[in-house]
Amino acid sequence: MIDFIFSERTIENKDWATILFILCLALIAINKTVSKKRFSEFIRLFYSDKYIKVYKDGGNMLNGFTISFFIIHVVSFTFLIHFLLSYYGFSDKISLIAFIQNFTFLTVFILAKYLIDKIIATAFDIEEFGESFNLHKVSYRTYIGLLLLPITAILFYNDTPHPSIVYTLLIALLIVTLISYITSLRLYQSLIQSKLFYFILYLCTLEIAPYYFMYYWFTNSK
């Protein structure tokens, strides 16, 4: 007599991720075609500050070029968060619902920080400085998100990497983020000194407290 053993067959559906990556590539291609000069200067942001000097006006924050790259930035970092949560066993890597939840959380988190920053800037009558400083940070962070996009694609479509690769990626990301932040501080050094109280309030409220609470929430949710 032959015994049949039935096992559940899991079919991984990653089409949703492929569509998102293709849409991000399409946005990059559109920006390169429509805004050739600006795109060329943006790509050189890592070693040249010409883009920041040319497009330092706070009005560029709501420009189509900035918004489209902001979308790529959010998608890219969401994929990274999604991968890390699945890597440490908090969620399923191929779950679209989990990705949407992470995307929504990150988007709300960024927009909430931006709105609080606007409130603080308005309260101290320094809207122009706040917009320029935010635009500078957004430019560097979207640039980091652009560089991170192919890395997150590789992580998503491959098996679980060695822990050393993950830690190296996180350390490199932290270093690049700190460098971009220090660059922002150096560029606006004179303005920061004249608005030192605002900057200390900004630093504590928007750059330290949110990440501390996120760390506390994750470490105590296990």
Protein backbone atom coordinates (compact mmCIF):
# COMPACT_ATOMS: atom_id res chain seq x y z
CA MET A 1 0.00 0.00 0.00
CA ILE A 2 1.31 3.40 -0.97
CA ASP A 3 1.04 6.18 1.57
CA PHE A 4 0.54 9.66 0.18
CA ILE A 5 1.93 12.56 2.17
CA PHE A 6 0.40 15.90 1.37
CA SER A 7 2.31 19.07 2.11
CA GLU A 8 1.21 22.64 1.70
CA ARG A 9 2.62 24.28 -1.37
CA THR A 10 3.45 27.93 -0.87
CA ILE A 11 3.44 30.03 -4.01
CA GLU A 12 5.36 33.26 -3.57
CA ASN A 13 3.74 36.17 -5.38
CA LYS A 14 6.17 39.03 -5.77
CA ASP A 15 4.41 40.74 -8.68
CA TRP A 16 3.40 43.70 -6.52
CA ALA A 17 7.05 44.41 -5.68
CA THR A 18 8.07 44.13 -9.33
CA ILE A 19 5.37 46.66 -10.27
CA LEU A 20 6.60 49.09 -7.61
CA PHE A 21 10.21 48.82 -8.72
CA ILE A 22 9.17 49.37 -12.35
CA LEU A 23 7.10 52.43 -11.38
CA CYS A 24 10.11 53.88 -9.53
CA LEU A 25 12.31 53.31 -12.57
CA ALA A 26 9.64 54.96 -14.73
CA LEU A 27 9.64 58.04 -12.47
CA ILE A 28 13.43 58.23 -12.71
CA ALA A 29 13.25 57.97 -16.51
CA ILE A 30 10.56 60.68 -16.71
CA ASN A 31 12.59 63.07 -14.52
CA LYS A 32 15.70 62.42 -16.59
CA THR A 33 13.77 63.18 -19.78
CA VAL A 34 11.75 66.18 -18.61
CA SER A 35 14.39 67.83 -16.38
CA LYS A 36 17.71 66.81 -17.93
CA LYS A 37 19.81 69.60 -16.40
CA ARG A 38 18.32 69.32 -12.93
CA PHE A 39 18.57 65.52 -13.00
CA SER A 40 22.22 65.71 -14.03
CA GLU A 41 23.02 68.08 -11.15
CA PHE A 42 21.02 65.94 -8.72
CA ILE A 43 22.98 62.80 -9.65
CA ARG A 44 26.23 64.61 -8.77
CA LEU A 45 24.91 65.62 -5.34
CA PHE A 46 27.22 63.18 -3.55
CA TYR A 47 30.35 65.11 -4.55
CA SER A 48 28.98 68.48 -5.67
CA ASP A 49 26.71 70.98 -3.88
CA LYS A 50 25.75 72.81 -7.08
CA TYR A 51 22.25 71.33 -6.97
CA ILE A 52 21.72 72.67 -3.44
CA LYS A 53 22.98 76.14 -4.37
CA VAL A 54 20.83 76.36 -7.51
CA TYR A 55 17.63 74.91 -6.06
CA LYS A 56 17.89 76.21 -2.50
CA ASP A 57 14.63 78.20 -2.72
CA GLY A 58 12.05 76.75 -0.34
CA GLY A 59 9.47 76.85 -3.13
CA ASN A 60 11.17 73.85 -4.71
CA MET A 61 9.86 71.68 -1.89
CA LEU A 62 6.55 71.20 -3.73
CA ASN A 63 8.11 70.94 -7.17
CA GLY A 64 7.14 67.90 -9.24
CA PHE A 65 10.79 66.82 -9.43
CA THR A 66 11.16 66.87 -5.64
CA ILE A 67 7.83 65.15 -5.00
CA SER A 68 8.50 62.34 -7.49
CA PHE A 69 11.89 61.60 -5.96
CA PHE A 70 10.33 61.82 -2.51
CA ILE A 71 7.95 59.03 -3.57
CA ILE A 72 10.94 56.95 -4.69
CA HIS A 73 12.62 57.73 -1.37
CA VAL A 74 9.63 56.52 0.65
CA VAL A 75 9.22 53.36 -1.46
CA SER A 76 12.93 52.58 -1.20
CA PHE A 77 13.09 53.02 2.58
CA THR A 78 9.81 51.12 3.01
CA PHE A 79 11.37 48.16 1.19
CA LEU A 80 14.36 48.39 3.53
CA ILE A 81 12.13 48.49 6.64
CA HIS A 82 9.98 45.71 5.20
CA PHE A 83 13.08 43.56 4.60
CA LEU A 84 14.49 44.20 8.09
CA LEU A 85 11.19 43.34 9.77
CA SER A 86 10.99 40.08 7.82
CA TYR A 87 14.69 39.39 8.43
CA TYR A 88 14.16 39.58 12.19
CA GLY A 89 10.91 37.62 12.05
CA PHE A 90 8.36 40.40 12.60
CA SER A 91 6.58 40.02 9.24
CA ASP A 92 6.48 38.14 5.94
CA LYS A 93 8.69 39.52 3.17
CA ILE A 94 6.22 38.74 0.38
CA SER A 95 3.20 40.16 2.22
CA LEU A 96 1.70 43.11 0.34
CA ILE A 97 -0.45 44.03 3.33
CA ALA A 98 2.61 44.28 5.58
CA PHE A 99 4.33 46.46 2.98
CA ILE A 100 1.32 48.79 2.76
CA GLN A 101 1.28 49.08 6.55
CA ASN A 102 5.00 49.94 6.60
CA PHE A 103 4.56 52.40 3.72
CA THR A 104 1.65 54.12 5.48
CA PHE A 105 3.51 54.31 8.78
CA LEU A 106 6.64 55.79 7.16
CA THR A 107 4.65 58.31 5.10
CA VAL A 108 2.64 59.49 8.11
CA PHE A 109 5.82 59.66 10.19
CA ILE A 110 7.62 61.85 7.63
CA LEU A 111 4.63 64.12 6.97
CA ALA A 112 3.97 64.52 10.71
CA LYS A 113 7.58 65.58 11.25
CA TYR A 114 7.29 68.06 8.40
CA LEU A 115 4.05 69.57 9.74
CA ILE A 116 5.47 69.91 13.27
CA ASP A 117 8.54 71.56 11.77
CA LYS A 118 6.28 74.03 9.92
CA ILE A 119 4.47 74.84 13.16
CA ILE A 120 7.72 75.46 15.02
CA ALA A 121 9.10 77.57 12.16
CA THR A 122 5.91 79.66 12.03
CA ALA A 123 5.91 80.14 15.79
CA PHE A 124 9.43 81.57 15.68
CA ASP A 125 8.85 83.50 12.43
CA ILE A 126 11.59 81.67 10.51
CA GLU A 127 9.58 79.95 7.78
CA GLU A 128 12.12 80.78 5.06
CA PHE A 129 14.97 79.20 7.00
CA GLY A 130 12.85 76.16 7.86
CA GLU A 131 11.85 75.58 4.24
CA SER A 132 15.42 75.93 2.96
CA PHE A 133 16.84 73.66 5.65
CA ASN A 134 14.14 71.05 5.04
CA LEU A 135 14.69 71.18 1.27
CA HIS A 136 18.40 70.58 1.80
CA LYS A 137 17.74 67.54 4.00
CA VAL A 138 15.06 66.18 1.66
CA SER A 139 17.44 66.47 -1.30
CA TYR A 140 20.11 64.38 0.39
CA ARG A 141 17.65 61.85 1.78
CA THR A 142 15.96 61.35 -1.59
CA TYR A 143 19.41 60.91 -3.09
CA ILE A 144 20.17 58.22 -0.49
CA GLY A 145 16.81 56.62 -1.29
CA LEU A 146 17.72 56.57 -4.98
CA LEU A 147 21.01 54.81 -4.24
CA LEU A 148 19.24 52.41 -1.90
CA LEU A 149 16.60 51.35 -4.45
CA PRO A 150 18.69 48.73 -6.34
CA ILE A 151 20.08 47.42 -3.05
CA THR A 152 16.59 46.83 -1.65
CA ALA A 153 15.61 45.11 -4.91
CA ILE A 154 18.54 42.70 -4.55
CA LEU A 155 17.68 42.02 -0.92
CA PHE A 156 14.02 41.43 -1.75
CA TYR A 157 14.52 38.98 -4.62
CA ASN A 158 17.26 36.93 -2.98
CA ASP A 159 17.42 34.57 -0.07
CA THR A 160 18.28 35.73 3.43
CA PRO A 161 21.77 37.30 3.28
CA HIS A 162 24.54 36.78 5.79
CA PRO A 163 24.17 38.95 8.93
CA SER A 164 27.47 40.70 8.15
CA ILE A 165 25.99 42.02 4.89
CA VAL A 166 22.93 43.39 6.70
CA TYR A 167 24.99 45.06 9.43
CA THR A 168 27.41 46.50 6.87
CA LEU A 169 24.49 47.99 4.94
CA LEU A 170 22.97 49.55 8.06
CA ILE A 171 26.31 51.00 9.21
CA ALA A 172 26.99 52.42 5.74
CA LEU A 173 23.50 53.93 5.64
CA LEU A 174 24.02 55.50 9.06
CA ILE A 175 27.39 56.97 8.05
CA VAL A 176 26.04 58.44 4.80
CA THR A 177 23.05 59.91 6.66
CA LEU A 178 25.33 61.53 9.26
CA ILE A 179 27.57 62.96 6.53
CA SER A 180 24.58 64.48 4.75
CA TYR A 181 23.29 65.91 8.03
CA ILE A 182 26.67 67.43 8.91
CA THR A 183 26.83 68.93 5.42
CA SER A 184 23.46 70.57 6.04
CA LEU A 185 24.67 71.98 9.34
CA ARG A 186 27.82 73.39 7.77
CA LEU A 187 25.89 75.02 4.94
CA TYR A 188 23.47 76.76 7.34
CA GLN A 189 25.98 77.31 10.13
CA SER A 190 25.56 81.08 10.31
CA LEU A 191 21.77 80.87 10.25
CA ILE A 192 21.76 78.14 12.90
CA GLN A 193 23.93 80.24 15.19
CA SER A 194 21.52 83.15 14.88
CA LYS A 195 18.55 80.81 15.53
CA LEU A 196 20.24 78.53 18.04
CA PHE A 197 17.21 78.12 20.30
CA TYR A 198 15.02 77.07 17.37
CA PHE A 199 17.64 74.61 16.19
CA ILE A 200 17.99 73.00 19.63
CA LEU A 201 14.21 72.71 19.86
CA TYR A 202 14.08 71.28 16.36
CA LEU A 203 16.88 68.81 17.09
CA CYS A 204 15.25 67.49 20.27
CA THR A 205 11.68 67.46 18.96
CA LEU A 206 12.10 66.17 15.41
CA GLU A 207 15.48 64.45 15.14
CA ILE A 208 15.97 62.70 18.49
CA ALA A 209 12.62 62.11 20.19
CA PRO A 210 10.79 60.36 17.27
CA TYR A 211 13.58 57.85 16.68
CA TYR A 212 13.97 57.23 20.40
CA PHE A 213 10.27 56.42 20.74
CA MET A 214 10.42 54.17 17.67
CA TYR A 215 13.37 52.30 19.16
CA TYR A 216 11.59 52.01 22.50
CA TRP A 217 8.43 50.72 20.82
CA PHE A 218 10.27 48.08 18.78
CA THR A 219 12.41 46.86 21.65
CA ASN A 220 9.40 46.52 23.95
CA SER A 221 7.06 44.92 21.41
CA LYS A 222 8.93 41.59 21.34
